[in-house]
Amino acid sequence: MEYQFEKLKVWQMGMALAEAVYTMTQKFPKAEQFGLISQMRRAAVSVPANIAEGKGRYYTKEFIQFLYTARGSLCELMTLLQLAQRLTYLTEGQAADLLQRCWDLSGGINGLINSLK
């Protein structure tokens, strides 16, 4: 069964990004299990989850608000990715790849917000 939110490109991109974050954080030190790993995963999951929840709302204004929240979680994730790189948990290439995905997704969310206004 497919819901309307699953057809959204931004939701699909968000899910792919969350999967990538889960994969990358599996290699982080165990000491970060309840710290950076948990925070990064929550922020990553929050992006497609807020897109889906907003799409499920009746009013466009509510959907837009959830898109803003998703964009905020994306900015949080970008900060955490940069920290993970500084701590050498991610290579420069890994961080660059994930950050580029974030930028692409941010552009998609911004475009969707603008089209709904």
PDB file of N, CA and C in Angstrom:
ATOM      1  N   MET A   1       0.843  -1.187   0.000  1.00  0.00           N
ATOM      2  CA  MET A   1       0.000   0.000   0.000  1.00  0.00           C
ATOM      3  C   MET A   1       0.885   1.245   0.000  1.00  0.00           C
ATOM      4  N   GLU A   2       0.548   2.193  -0.838  1.00  0.00           N
ATOM      5  CA  GLU A   2       1.342   3.410  -0.949  1.00  0.00           C
ATOM      6  C   GLU A   2       0.496   4.620  -0.546  1.00  0.00           C
ATOM      7  N   TYR A   3       1.080   5.475   0.257  1.00  0.00           N
ATOM      8  CA  TYR A   3       0.418   6.708   0.663  1.00  0.00           C
ATOM      9  C   TYR A   3       0.973   7.852  -0.170  1.00  0.00           C
ATOM     10  N   GLN A   4       0.262   8.947  -0.206  1.00  0.00           N
ATOM     11  CA  GLN A   4       0.670  10.071  -1.047  1.00  0.00           C
ATOM     12  C   GLN A   4       2.053  10.601  -0.710  1.00  0.00           C
ATOM     13  N   PHE A   5       2.422  10.581   0.564  1.00  0.00           N
ATOM     14  CA  PHE A   5       3.741  11.124   0.928  1.00  0.00           C
ATOM     15  C   PHE A   5       4.870  10.322   0.304  1.00  0.00           C
ATOM     16  N   GLU A   6       4.639   9.040   0.056  1.00  0.00           N
ATOM     17  CA  GLU A   6       5.690   8.200  -0.525  1.00  0.00           C
ATOM     18  C   GLU A   6       6.036   8.599  -1.957  1.00  0.00           C
ATOM     19  N   LYS A   7       5.149   9.322  -2.610  1.00  0.00           N
ATOM     20  CA  LYS A   7       5.385   9.781  -3.978  1.00  0.00           C
ATOM     21  C   LYS A   7       6.228  11.054  -4.027  1.00  0.00           C
ATOM     22  N   LEU A   8       6.350  11.717  -2.880  1.00  0.00           N
ATOM     23  CA  LEU A   8       7.119  12.968  -2.837  1.00  0.00           C
ATOM     24  C   LEU A   8       8.613  12.690  -2.967  1.00  0.00           C
ATOM     25  N   LYS A   9       9.253  13.380  -3.890  1.00  0.00           N
ATOM     26  CA  LYS A   9      10.692  13.209  -4.104  1.00  0.00           C
ATOM     27  C   LYS A   9      11.471  13.559  -2.837  1.00  0.00           C
ATOM     28  N   VAL A  10      11.039  14.590  -2.119  1.00  0.00           N
ATOM     29  CA  VAL A  10      11.761  14.989  -0.903  1.00  0.00           C
ATOM     30  C   VAL A  10      11.671  13.914   0.171  1.00  0.00           C
ATOM     31  N   TRP A  11      10.535  13.218   0.248  1.00  0.00           N
ATOM     32  CA  TRP A  11      10.410  12.132   1.213  1.00  0.00           C
ATOM     33  C   TRP A  11      11.349  10.991   0.825  1.00  0.00           C
ATOM     34  N   GLN A  12      11.395  10.650  -0.450  1.00  0.00           N
ATOM     35  CA  GLN A  12      12.273   9.589  -0.935  1.00  0.00           C
ATOM     36  C   GLN A  12      13.739   9.927  -0.665  1.00  0.00           C
ATOM     37  N   MET A  13      14.106  11.180  -0.915  1.00  0.00           N
ATOM     38  CA  MET A  13      15.475  11.620  -0.649  1.00  0.00           C
ATOM     39  C   MET A  13      15.786  11.563   0.836  1.00  0.00           C
ATOM     40  N   GLY A  14      14.815  11.959   1.658  1.00  0.00           N
ATOM     41  CA  GLY A  14      14.989  11.928   3.107  1.00  0.00           C
ATOM     42  C   GLY A  14      15.182  10.513   3.624  1.00  0.00           C
ATOM     43  N   MET A  15      14.435   9.578   3.094  1.00  0.00           N
ATOM     44  CA  MET A  15      14.576   8.180   3.500  1.00  0.00           C
ATOM     45  C   MET A  15      15.955   7.644   3.110  1.00  0.00           C
ATOM     46  N   ALA A  16      16.409   7.961   1.906  1.00  0.00           N
ATOM     47  CA  ALA A  16      17.731   7.516   1.461  1.00  0.00           C
ATOM     48  C   ALA A  16      18.828   8.117   2.335  1.00  0.00           C
ATOM     49  N   LEU A  17      18.668   9.383   2.700  1.00  0.00           N
ATOM     50  CA  LEU A  17      19.641  10.037   3.569  1.00  0.00           C
ATOM     51  C   LEU A  17      19.659   9.385   4.946  1.00  0.00           C
ATOM     52  N   ALA A  18      18.495   9.101   5.497  1.00  0.00           N
ATOM     53  CA  ALA A  18      18.417   8.457   6.820  1.00  0.00           C
ATOM     54  C   ALA A  18      19.093   7.086   6.777  1.00  0.00           C
ATOM     55  N   GLU A  19      18.863   6.338   5.714  1.00  0.00           N
ATOM     56  CA  GLU A  19      19.525   5.032   5.568  1.00  0.00           C
ATOM     57  C   GLU A  19      21.039   5.196   5.550  1.00  0.00           C
ATOM     58  N   ALA A  20      21.518   6.183   4.805  1.00  0.00           N
ATOM     59  CA  ALA A  20      22.963   6.418   4.709  1.00  0.00           C
ATOM     60  C   ALA A  20      23.548   6.798   6.067  1.00  0.00           C
ATOM     61  N   VAL A  21      22.831   7.610   6.828  1.00  0.00           N
ATOM     62  CA  VAL A  21      23.301   8.012   8.155  1.00  0.00           C
ATOM     63  C   VAL A  21      23.373   6.789   9.065  1.00  0.00           C
ATOM     64  N   TYR A  22      22.373   5.935   9.015  1.00  0.00           N
ATOM     65  CA  TYR A  22      22.398   4.713   9.829  1.00  0.00           C
ATOM     66  C   TYR A  22      23.604   3.858   9.463  1.00  0.00           C
ATOM     67  N   THR A  23      23.860   3.713   8.181  1.00  0.00           N
ATOM     68  CA  THR A  23      25.001   2.904   7.729  1.00  0.00           C
ATOM     69  C   THR A  23      26.318   3.502   8.195  1.00  0.00           C
ATOM     70  N   MET A  24      26.488   4.799   8.008  1.00  0.00           N
ATOM     71  CA  MET A  24      27.745   5.459   8.378  1.00  0.00           C
ATOM     72  C   MET A  24      27.989   5.425   9.883  1.00  0.00           C
ATOM     73  N   THR A  25      26.946   5.596  10.663  1.00  0.00           N
ATOM     74  CA  THR A  25      27.138   5.659  12.112  1.00  0.00           C
ATOM     75  C   THR A  25      27.384   4.288  12.738  1.00  0.00           C
ATOM     76  N   GLN A  26      27.165   3.223  12.003  1.00  0.00           N
ATOM     77  CA  GLN A  26      27.466   1.884  12.519  1.00  0.00           C
ATOM     78  C   GLN A  26      28.960   1.726  12.806  1.00  0.00           C
ATOM     79  N   LYS A  27      29.764   2.532  12.137  1.00  0.00           N
ATOM     80  CA  LYS A  27      31.220   2.438  12.285  1.00  0.00           C
ATOM     81  C   LYS A  27      31.778   3.398  13.331  1.00  0.00           C
ATOM     82  N   PHE A  28      30.919   4.184  13.954  1.00  0.00           N
ATOM     83  CA  PHE A  28      31.365   5.119  14.983  1.00  0.00           C
ATOM     84  C   PHE A  28      31.765   4.349  16.236  1.00  0.00           C
ATOM     85  N   PRO A  29      32.572   4.957  17.097  1.00  0.00           N
ATOM     86  CA  PRO A  29      32.955   4.293  18.355  1.00  0.00           C
ATOM     87  C   PRO A  29      31.725   3.977  19.212  1.00  0.00           C
ATOM     88  N   LYS A  30      31.773   2.863  19.893  1.00  0.00           N
ATOM     89  CA  LYS A  30      30.661   2.447  20.758  1.00  0.00           C
ATOM     90  C   LYS A  30      30.357   3.492  21.833  1.00  0.00           C
ATOM     91  N   ALA A  31      31.361   4.250  22.233  1.00  0.00           N
ATOM     92  CA  ALA A  31      31.170   5.285  23.248  1.00  0.00           C
ATOM     93  C   ALA A  31      30.182   6.356  22.784  1.00  0.00           C
ATOM     94  N   GLU A  32      29.953   6.453  21.478  1.00  0.00           N
ATOM     95  CA  GLU A  32      29.033   7.457  20.933  1.00  0.00           C
ATOM     96  C   GLU A  32      27.614   6.921  20.747  1.00  0.00           C
ATOM     97  N   GLN A  33      27.362   5.686  21.191  1.00  0.00           N
ATOM     98  CA  GLN A  33      26.056   5.066  20.970  1.00  0.00           C
ATOM     99  C   GLN A  33      24.904   5.921  21.485  1.00  0.00           C
ATOM    100  N   PHE A  34      25.061   6.503  22.653  1.00  0.00           N
ATOM    101  CA  PHE A  34      23.991   7.305  23.230  1.00  0.00           C
ATOM    102  C   PHE A  34      24.253   8.803  23.072  1.00  0.00           C
ATOM    103  N   GLY A  35      25.286   9.143  22.321  1.00  0.00           N
ATOM    104  CA  GLY A  35      25.622  10.535  22.077  1.00  0.00           C
ATOM    105  C   GLY A  35      25.394  10.891  20.620  1.00  0.00           C
ATOM    106  N   LEU A  36      26.479  11.028  19.900  1.00  0.00           N
ATOM    107  CA  LEU A  36      26.428  11.500  18.519  1.00  0.00           C
ATOM    108  C   LEU A  36      25.645  10.554  17.606  1.00  0.00           C
ATOM    109  N   ILE A  37      25.797   9.267  17.777  1.00  0.00           N
ATOM    110  CA  ILE A  37      25.071   8.309  16.923  1.00  0.00           C
ATOM    111  C   ILE A  37      23.568   8.516  17.080  1.00  0.00           C
ATOM    112  N   SER A  38      23.111   8.527  18.313  1.00  0.00           N
ATOM    113  CA  SER A  38      21.686   8.686  18.588  1.00  0.00           C
ATOM    114  C   SER A  38      21.158  10.016  18.055  1.00  0.00           C
ATOM    115  N   GLN A  39      21.900  11.078  18.281  1.00  0.00           N
ATOM    116  CA  GLN A  39      21.467  12.412  17.851  1.00  0.00           C
ATOM    117  C   GLN A  39      21.407  12.505  16.324  1.00  0.00           C
ATOM    118  N   MET A  40      22.411  11.961  15.649  1.00  0.00           N
ATOM    119  CA  MET A  40      22.426  12.003  14.189  1.00  0.00           C
ATOM    120  C   MET A  40      21.276  11.191  13.606  1.00  0.00           C
ATOM    121  N   ARG A  41      21.049  10.025  14.166  1.00  0.00           N
ATOM    122  CA  ARG A  41      19.971   9.174  13.656  1.00  0.00           C
ATOM    123  C   ARG A  41      18.608   9.816  13.882  1.00  0.00           C
ATOM    124  N   ARG A  42      18.400  10.402  15.042  1.00  0.00           N
ATOM    125  CA  ARG A  42      17.113  11.065  15.318  1.00  0.00           C
ATOM    126  C   ARG A  42      16.884  12.233  14.357  1.00  0.00           C
ATOM    127  N   ALA A  43      17.908  13.025  14.134  1.00  0.00           N
ATOM    128  CA  ALA A  43      17.773  14.164  13.220  1.00  0.00           C
ATOM    129  C   ALA A  43      17.487  13.684  11.796  1.00  0.00           C
ATOM    130  N   ALA A  44      18.198  12.633  11.373  1.00  0.00           N
ATOM    131  CA  ALA A  44      18.010  12.113  10.014  1.00  0.00           C
ATOM    132  C   ALA A  44      16.608  11.545   9.820  1.00  0.00           C
ATOM    133  N   VAL A  45      16.124  10.801  10.791  1.00  0.00           N
ATOM    134  CA  VAL A  45      14.791  10.195  10.707  1.00  0.00           C
ATOM    135  C   VAL A  45      13.700  11.262  10.773  1.00  0.00           C
ATOM    136  N   SER A  46      13.971  12.321  11.497  1.00  0.00           N
ATOM    137  CA  SER A  46      13.005  13.397  11.653  1.00  0.00           C
ATOM    138  C   SER A  46      12.652  14.059  10.316  1.00  0.00           C
ATOM    139  N   VAL A  47      13.577  14.070   9.386  1.00  0.00           N
ATOM    140  CA  VAL A  47      13.326  14.746   8.103  1.00  0.00           C
ATOM    141  C   VAL A  47      12.186  14.067   7.337  1.00  0.00           C
ATOM    142  N   PRO A  48      12.323  12.803   6.932  1.00  0.00           N
ATOM    143  CA  PRO A  48      11.199  12.194   6.196  1.00  0.00           C
ATOM    144  C   PRO A  48       9.954  12.000   7.061  1.00  0.00           C
ATOM    145  N   ALA A  49      10.140  11.810   8.370  1.00  0.00           N
ATOM    146  CA  ALA A  49       8.980  11.635   9.252  1.00  0.00           C
ATOM    147  C   ALA A  49       8.127  12.898   9.288  1.00  0.00           C
ATOM    148  N   ASN A  50       8.761  14.060   9.347  1.00  0.00           N
ATOM    149  CA  ASN A  50       8.002  15.314   9.354  1.00  0.00           C
ATOM    150  C   ASN A  50       7.370  15.597   7.996  1.00  0.00           C
ATOM    151  N   ILE A  51       8.046  15.219   6.938  1.00  0.00           N
ATOM    152  CA  ILE A  51       7.458  15.379   5.605  1.00  0.00           C
ATOM    153  C   ILE A  51       6.198  14.519   5.501  1.00  0.00           C
ATOM    154  N   ALA A  52       6.288  13.277   5.954  1.00  0.00           N
ATOM    155  CA  ALA A  52       5.137  12.375   5.894  1.00  0.00           C
ATOM    156  C   ALA A  52       3.996  12.873   6.782  1.00  0.00           C
ATOM    157  N   GLU A  53       4.330  13.278   8.004  1.00  0.00           N
ATOM    158  CA  GLU A  53       3.286  13.741   8.914  1.00  0.00           C
ATOM    159  C   GLU A  53       2.603  14.989   8.369  1.00  0.00           C
ATOM    160  N   GLY A  54       3.390  15.898   7.830  1.00  0.00           N
ATOM    161  CA  GLY A  54       2.811  17.115   7.261  1.00  0.00           C
ATOM    162  C   GLY A  54       1.914  16.829   6.078  1.00  0.00           C
ATOM    163  N   LYS A  55       2.327  15.895   5.235  1.00  0.00           N
ATOM    164  CA  LYS A  55       1.512  15.528   4.069  1.00  0.00           C
ATOM    165  C   LYS A  55       0.183  14.922   4.516  1.00  0.00           C
ATOM    166  N   GLY A  56       0.189  14.277   5.664  1.00  0.00           N
ATOM    167  CA  GLY A  56      -1.026  13.674   6.187  1.00  0.00           C
ATOM    168  C   GLY A  56      -1.984  14.663   6.825  1.00  0.00           C
ATOM    169  N   ARG A  57      -1.563  15.895   6.974  1.00  0.00           N
ATOM    170  CA  ARG A  57      -2.428  16.922   7.551  1.00  0.00           C
ATOM    171  C   ARG A  57      -3.414  17.428   6.498  1.00  0.00           C
ATOM    172  N   TYR A  58      -4.508  17.939   6.960  1.00  0.00           N
ATOM    173  CA  TYR A  58      -5.577  18.367   6.060  1.00  0.00           C
ATOM    174  C   TYR A  58      -5.271  19.702   5.382  1.00  0.00           C
ATOM    175  N   TYR A  59      -4.599  20.590   6.093  1.00  0.00           N
ATOM    176  CA  TYR A  59      -4.390  21.942   5.584  1.00  0.00           C
ATOM    177  C   TYR A  59      -2.978  22.153   5.057  1.00  0.00           C
ATOM    178  N   THR A  60      -2.881  22.865   3.955  1.00  0.00           N
ATOM    179  CA  THR A  60      -1.593  23.173   3.342  1.00  0.00           C
ATOM    180  C   THR A  60      -0.697  23.941   4.298  1.00  0.00           C
ATOM    181  N   LYS A  61      -1.282  24.858   5.063  1.00  0.00           N
ATOM    182  CA  LYS A  61      -0.498  25.655   6.020  1.00  0.00           C
ATOM    183  C   LYS A  61       0.205  24.741   7.023  1.00  0.00           C
ATOM    184  N   GLU A  62      -0.481  23.693   7.473  1.00  0.00           N
ATOM    185  CA  GLU A  62       0.136  22.740   8.404  1.00  0.00           C
ATOM    186  C   GLU A  62       1.254  21.962   7.721  1.00  0.00           C
ATOM    187  N   PHE A  63       1.026  21.564   6.484  1.00  0.00           N
ATOM    188  CA  PHE A  63       2.048  20.840   5.727  1.00  0.00           C
ATOM    189  C   PHE A  63       3.311  21.689   5.619  1.00  0.00           C
ATOM    190  N   ILE A  64       3.129  22.952   5.306  1.00  0.00           N
ATOM    191  CA  ILE A  64       4.283  23.856   5.187  1.00  0.00           C
ATOM    192  C   ILE A  64       5.030  23.944   6.515  1.00  0.00           C
ATOM    193  N   GLN A  65       4.307  24.027   7.616  1.00  0.00           N
ATOM    194  CA  GLN A  65       4.960  24.103   8.929  1.00  0.00           C
ATOM    195  C   GLN A  65       5.799  22.854   9.194  1.00  0.00           C
ATOM    196  N   PHE A  66       5.284  21.681   8.827  1.00  0.00           N
ATOM    197  CA  PHE A  66       6.048  20.447   9.003  1.00  0.00           C
ATOM    198  C   PHE A  66       7.264  20.415   8.077  1.00  0.00           C
ATOM    199  N   LEU A  67       7.145  21.016   6.897  1.00  0.00           N
ATOM    200  CA  LEU A  67       8.306  21.107   6.000  1.00  0.00           C
ATOM    201  C   LEU A  67       9.384  21.996   6.610  1.00  0.00           C
ATOM    202  N   TYR A  68       8.975  23.069   7.274  1.00  0.00           N
ATOM    203  CA  TYR A  68       9.940  23.912   7.983  1.00  0.00           C
ATOM    204  C   TYR A  68      10.641  23.120   9.088  1.00  0.00           C
ATOM    205  N   THR A  69       9.887  22.305   9.788  1.00  0.00           N
ATOM    206  CA  THR A  69      10.471  21.478  10.844  1.00  0.00           C
ATOM    207  C   THR A  69      11.453  20.474  10.256  1.00  0.00           C
ATOM    208  N   ALA A  70      11.087  19.867   9.131  1.00  0.00           N
ATOM    209  CA  ALA A  70      11.987  18.926   8.452  1.00  0.00           C
ATOM    210  C   ALA A  70      13.274  19.636   8.045  1.00  0.00           C
ATOM    211  N   ARG A  71      13.137  20.849   7.544  1.00  0.00           N
ATOM    212  CA  ARG A  71      14.317  21.619   7.137  1.00  0.00           C
ATOM    213  C   ARG A  71      15.194  21.947   8.339  1.00  0.00           C
ATOM    214  N   GLY A  72      14.573  22.231   9.482  1.00  0.00           N
ATOM    215  CA  GLY A  72      15.340  22.482  10.705  1.00  0.00           C
ATOM    216  C   GLY A  72      16.112  21.250  11.139  1.00  0.00           C
ATOM    217  N   SER A  73      15.489  20.088  11.066  1.00  0.00           N
ATOM    218  CA  SER A  73      16.168  18.835  11.414  1.00  0.00           C
ATOM    219  C   SER A  73      17.318  18.568  10.452  1.00  0.00           C
ATOM    220  N   LEU A  74      17.135  18.943   9.207  1.00  0.00           N
ATOM    221  CA  LEU A  74      18.194  18.774   8.219  1.00  0.00           C
ATOM    222  C   LEU A  74      19.399  19.652   8.561  1.00  0.00           C
ATOM    223  N   CYS A  75      19.159  20.868   8.998  1.00  0.00           N
ATOM    224  CA  CYS A  75      20.257  21.753   9.423  1.00  0.00           C
ATOM    225  C   CYS A  75      20.958  21.188  10.658  1.00  0.00           C
ATOM    226  N   GLU A  76      20.183  20.622  11.569  1.00  0.00           N
ATOM    227  CA  GLU A  76      20.773  19.975  12.741  1.00  0.00           C
ATOM    228  C   GLU A  76      21.683  18.828  12.294  1.00  0.00           C
ATOM    229  N   LEU A  77      21.203  18.009  11.372  1.00  0.00           N
ATOM    230  CA  LEU A  77      21.998  16.894  10.870  1.00  0.00           C
ATOM    231  C   LEU A  77      23.280  17.383  10.207  1.00  0.00           C
ATOM    232  N   MET A  78      23.198  18.450   9.449  1.00  0.00           N
ATOM    233  CA  MET A  78      24.391  18.991   8.788  1.00  0.00           C
ATOM    234  C   MET A  78      25.441  19.413   9.814  1.00  0.00           C
ATOM    235  N   THR A  79      25.004  20.004  10.907  1.00  0.00           N
ATOM    236  CA  THR A  79      25.921  20.394  11.978  1.00  0.00           C
ATOM    237  C   THR A  79      26.579  19.161  12.595  1.00  0.00           C
ATOM    238  N   LEU A  80      25.782  18.136  12.850  1.00  0.00           N
ATOM    239  CA  LEU A  80      26.298  16.903  13.446  1.00  0.00           C
ATOM    240  C   LEU A  80      27.260  16.183  12.503  1.00  0.00           C
ATOM    241  N   LEU A  81      26.993  16.236  11.214  1.00  0.00           N
ATOM    242  CA  LEU A  81      27.905  15.625  10.237  1.00  0.00           C
ATOM    243  C   LEU A  81      29.259  16.329  10.254  1.00  0.00           C
ATOM    244  N   GLN A  82      29.225  17.650  10.345  1.00  0.00           N
ATOM    245  CA  GLN A  82      30.480  18.403  10.403  1.00  0.00           C
ATOM    246  C   GLN A  82      31.251  18.083  11.687  1.00  0.00           C
ATOM    247  N   LEU A  83      30.534  17.923  12.787  1.00  0.00           N
ATOM    248  CA  LEU A  83      31.182  17.548  14.034  1.00  0.00           C
ATOM    249  C   LEU A  83      31.799  16.150  13.922  1.00  0.00           C
ATOM    250  N   ALA A  84      31.063  15.221  13.330  1.00  0.00           N
ATOM    251  CA  ALA A  84      31.578  13.857  13.155  1.00  0.00           C
ATOM    252  C   ALA A  84      32.845  13.863  12.306  1.00  0.00           C
ATOM    253  N   GLN A  85      32.896  14.725  11.314  1.00  0.00           N
ATOM    254  CA  GLN A  85      34.111  14.833  10.505  1.00  0.00           C
ATOM    255  C   GLN A  85      35.257  15.416  11.335  1.00  0.00           C
ATOM    256  N   ARG A  86      34.981  16.443  12.107  1.00  0.00           N
ATOM    257  CA  ARG A  86      36.021  17.048  12.953  1.00  0.00           C
ATOM    258  C   ARG A  86      36.576  16.054  13.966  1.00  0.00           C
ATOM    259  N   LEU A  87      35.707  15.155  14.430  1.00  0.00           N
ATOM    260  CA  LEU A  87      36.142  14.131  15.382  1.00  0.00           C
ATOM    261  C   LEU A  87      36.760  12.916  14.687  1.00  0.00           C
ATOM    262  N   THR A  88      36.859  12.989  13.389  1.00  0.00           N
ATOM    263  CA  THR A  88      37.404  11.944  12.504  1.00  0.00           C
ATOM    264  C   THR A  88      36.608  10.637  12.539  1.00  0.00           C
ATOM    265  N   TYR A  89      35.323  10.734  12.834  1.00  0.00           N
ATOM    266  CA  TYR A  89      34.448   9.560  12.739  1.00  0.00           C
ATOM    267  C   TYR A  89      34.007   9.351  11.292  1.00  0.00           C
ATOM    268  N   LEU A  90      34.018  10.428  10.519  1.00  0.00           N
ATOM    269  CA  LEU A  90      33.732  10.378   9.093  1.00  0.00           C
ATOM    270  C   LEU A  90      34.935  10.935   8.343  1.00  0.00           C
ATOM    271  N   THR A  91      35.228  10.342   7.211  1.00  0.00           N
ATOM    272  CA  THR A  91      36.278  10.904   6.365  1.00  0.00           C
ATOM    273  C   THR A  91      35.742  12.176   5.704  1.00  0.00           C
ATOM    274  N   GLU A  92      36.639  12.937   5.148  1.00  0.00           N
ATOM    275  CA  GLU A  92      36.215  14.152   4.445  1.00  0.00           C
ATOM    276  C   GLU A  92      35.274  13.799   3.295  1.00  0.00           C
ATOM    277  N   GLY A  93      35.580  12.721   2.588  1.00  0.00           N
ATOM    278  CA  GLY A  93      34.739  12.289   1.473  1.00  0.00           C
ATOM    279  C   GLY A  93      33.359  11.832   1.916  1.00  0.00           C
ATOM    280  N   GLN A  94      33.303  11.074   3.003  1.00  0.00           N
ATOM    281  CA  GLN A  94      32.006  10.622   3.520  1.00  0.00           C
ATOM    282  C   GLN A  94      31.154  11.811   3.949  1.00  0.00           C
ATOM    283  N   ALA A  95      31.776  12.724   4.675  1.00  0.00           N
ATOM    284  CA  ALA A  95      31.053  13.904   5.134  1.00  0.00           C
ATOM    285  C   ALA A  95      30.577  14.744   3.949  1.00  0.00           C
ATOM    286  N   ALA A  96      31.449  14.919   2.965  1.00  0.00           N
ATOM    287  CA  ALA A  96      31.094  15.721   1.790  1.00  0.00           C
ATOM    288  C   ALA A  96      29.905  15.107   1.050  1.00  0.00           C
ATOM    289  N   ASP A  97      29.902  13.789   0.913  1.00  0.00           N
ATOM    290  CA  ASP A  97      28.801  13.104   0.233  1.00  0.00           C
ATOM    291  C   ASP A  97      27.484  13.315   0.983  1.00  0.00           C
ATOM    292  N   LEU A  98      27.506  13.109   2.287  1.00  0.00           N
ATOM    293  CA  LEU A  98      26.288  13.268   3.077  1.00  0.00           C
ATOM    294  C   LEU A  98      25.822  14.723   3.121  1.00  0.00           C
ATOM    295  N   LEU A  99      26.765  15.638   3.226  1.00  0.00           N
ATOM    296  CA  LEU A  99      26.399  17.058   3.234  1.00  0.00           C
ATOM    297  C   LEU A  99      25.804  17.486   1.894  1.00  0.00           C
ATOM    298  N   GLN A 100      26.326  16.948   0.802  1.00  0.00           N
ATOM    299  CA  GLN A 100      25.767  17.271  -0.512  1.00  0.00           C
ATOM    300  C   GLN A 100      24.339  16.758  -0.624  1.00  0.00           C
ATOM    301  N   ARG A 101      24.099  15.569  -0.081  1.00  0.00           N
ATOM    302  CA  ARG A 101      22.730  15.042  -0.066  1.00  0.00           C
ATOM    303  C   ARG A 101      21.810  15.959   0.734  1.00  0.00           C
ATOM    304  N   CYS A 102      22.339  16.485   1.841  1.00  0.00           N
ATOM    305  CA  CYS A 102      21.557  17.418   2.666  1.00  0.00           C
ATOM    306  C   CYS A 102      21.224  18.681   1.877  1.00  0.00           C
ATOM    307  N   TRP A 103      22.207  19.227   1.184  1.00  0.00           N
ATOM    308  CA  TRP A 103      21.981  20.442   0.398  1.00  0.00           C
ATOM    309  C   TRP A 103      20.955  20.192  -0.696  1.00  0.00           C
ATOM    310  N   ASP A 104      21.056  19.053  -1.369  1.00  0.00           N
ATOM    311  CA  ASP A 104      20.097  18.720  -2.423  1.00  0.00           C
ATOM    312  C   ASP A 104      18.687  18.592  -1.851  1.00  0.00           C
ATOM    313  N   LEU A 105      18.575  17.930  -0.720  1.00  0.00           N
ATOM    314  CA  LEU A 105      17.282  17.762  -0.073  1.00  0.00           C
ATOM    315  C   LEU A 105      16.735  19.100   0.413  1.00  0.00           C
ATOM    316  N   SER A 106      17.595  19.937   0.936  1.00  0.00           N
ATOM    317  CA  SER A 106      17.177  21.263   1.386  1.00  0.00           C
ATOM    318  C   SER A 106      16.585  22.061   0.223  1.00  0.00           C
ATOM    319  N   GLY A 107      17.239  21.980  -0.920  1.00  0.00           N
ATOM    320  CA  GLY A 107      16.721  22.664  -2.104  1.00  0.00           C
ATOM    321  C   GLY A 107      15.352  22.135  -2.512  1.00  0.00           C
ATOM    322  N   GLY A 108      15.181  20.817  -2.400  1.00  0.00           N
ATOM    323  CA  GLY A 108      13.889  20.221  -2.719  1.00  0.00           C
ATOM    324  C   GLY A 108      12.799  20.649  -1.756  1.00  0.00           C
ATOM    325  N   ILE A 109      13.132  20.686  -0.478  1.00  0.00           N
ATOM    326  CA  ILE A 109      12.154  21.126   0.513  1.00  0.00           C
ATOM    327  C   ILE A 109      11.793  22.590   0.286  1.00  0.00           C
ATOM    328  N   ASN A 110      12.805  23.435   0.027  1.00  0.00           N
ATOM    329  CA  ASN A 110      12.536  24.851  -0.236  1.00  0.00           C
ATOM    330  C   ASN A 110      11.638  25.014  -1.458  1.00  0.00           C
ATOM    331  N   GLY A 111      11.916  24.244  -2.493  1.00  0.00           N
ATOM    332  CA  GLY A 111      11.082  24.308  -3.710  1.00  0.00           C
ATOM    333  C   GLY A 111       9.641  23.898  -3.437  1.00  0.00           C
ATOM    334  N   LEU A 112       9.477  22.862  -2.630  1.00  0.00           N
ATOM    335  CA  LEU A 112       8.130  22.402  -2.294  1.00  0.00           C
ATOM    336  C   LEU A 112       7.401  23.448  -1.460  1.00  0.00           C
ATOM    337  N   ILE A 113       8.090  24.033  -0.498  1.00  0.00           N
ATOM    338  CA  ILE A 113       7.474  25.095   0.310  1.00  0.00           C
ATOM    339  C   ILE A 113       7.008  26.244  -0.598  1.00  0.00           C
ATOM    340  N   ASN A 114       7.892  26.665  -1.479  1.00  0.00           N
ATOM    341  CA  ASN A 114       7.548  27.789  -2.377  1.00  0.00           C
ATOM    342  C   ASN A 114       6.380  27.457  -3.296  1.00  0.00           C
ATOM    343  N   SER A 115       6.299  26.210  -3.733  1.00  0.00           N
ATOM    344  CA  SER A 115       5.197  25.827  -4.632  1.00  0.00           C
ATOM    345  C   SER A 115       3.858  25.757  -3.886  1.00  0.00           C
ATOM    346  N   LEU A 116       3.918  25.524  -2.573  1.00  0.00           N
ATOM    347  CA  LEU A 116       2.692  25.427  -1.771  1.00  0.00           C
ATOM    348  C   LEU A 116       2.178  26.787  -1.295  1.00  0.00           C
ATOM    349  N   LYS A 117       3.053  27.796  -1.309  1.00  0.00           N
ATOM    350  CA  LYS A 117       2.661  29.123  -0.824  1.00  0.00           C
ATOM    351  C   LYS A 117       1.777  29.843  -1.831  1.00  0.00           C
TER     352      LYS A 117
END
